[in-house]
Amino acid sequence: MQIETKKVVEALAKVMDPNTGQDLITMNMVRDLSVEENQVSFTLELPSLNSQYKQDLNFACMQAIQDIYPSANVNVHMMSKGGTAQAAPQNPFSHIKNIIAVASGKGGVGKSTISVNLALGLKEMGASVGLIDADLYGPSIPTMLNLQGKRPKVQTLYEQPKLTPLEAYGIHVMSIGFIIEPEQAVVLRGPRLSGIIKQFFNDTIWPPLDYLIVDLPPGTGDIQLSLVQTVPVTGTLIVTTPQEVAVVDAVKAANMFLLPSVNVPILGVVENMAWFTPEELPNHKYYIFGQGGGQEMAKKTQSTLLGQIPLVQGIREGGDQGKPIITDMDHPARLPFLEMTKNTIQQIQLRNQDQAPTQKVNVQ
């Protein structure tokens, strides 16, 4: 039987990369594939030749090809990225183009509302999007996306259990709210918090994504530090309300990311609850929390004001009902979120053009 290169590629597309949970073809790990009579040869590019899964991958590739071509003589050459065993480890999240943190200095400023509607806005504009609810003490994303009571599936990959994100409105979502009961108090300290954040990345099978939004808890604590130590964060959105109390705390949150040892760019500021507009008077603006806080925050972080989101009853109702306002095509309150999304995309593009990729933080 003549061996067809196309079918060999299809077979290798069924072999999963143990680090990402994606197939070898999607992850572009197969190099120099050649077929001569019953000889199949190719190079498999690994993050490191010291990978504990090297032997498992070798056998999995051979088995996949021999399942369709039993007489095939399969030769798999292993190499690390860069060609040597000493090459720098490959980014295990290379299939995620941009990891965006959404942060704030204090609670109650609507950070989760911004995260959810930003994720859905990016999806609406054609991107593949994931969302992590990293506010482990107060996970609200399951409610906002109508995913209460749902549980992520667990699948075994090379004898290791991996979580599969849930889906809502076309985006992939992970939250501790999918693991604990809604009324259960989350009582965790530093190491456990860090372990959960790492599990959301390292033990979760994320598909290839253009953007992965991470909704952080307020402040500067263990979860923020664990995030930048686990993954290379593209940039951060800072959420504040206009009032001075919120801005003062937001500056502290931004300064953590700007520390030389952390060095995560600030993409911009979102001013939430910028004004109150009653539904029956859509052209009226009441500045309940003051004015200018978002612009002041943008100046202090040398970034830009990505958007001003009004305080509108429909936004709150959409979050409570699991129907985010940006999904309501007829509601005028979705327009500020779309504008914020467009500005965020522009700032991410500028950041990626002008700056080198962010590196994981190595805190001694």
Foldseek 3Di string as FASTA:
>chain_A
DFDDPVVLVVLQQPAADLFQRGGQVVVVQWADWDDDGQETEIEGEALAPVDPCVVVSVVSSVCSRCVVVVSHDYYYHYAYVVGHRPDHGDASLVLAAAEEEEAFLAPDLCSVLLLVLLQLLVVVVPWAEEEEELAQQDRQLCQLQVNQQAAFDWDADPNRIATEFDDGSRHGYDYCNNVDHPPDGDDDDQVVSLVVLLNVNRRYNDGRGHYYYYYHHHRDDNNNLSVLQRHQHQAYEYEAAQAPVRLVSSLRVLVVCVPPLNVHAHLFYEHEQCFEAEPVGNPDTHRPRDHDSRVVSCVSRVHYHLFYQHDYPVQVVSRNNSHHPLNPPPDPSVVRSSSSSVSSVVSSVVSVVPDDGGDRGDDD
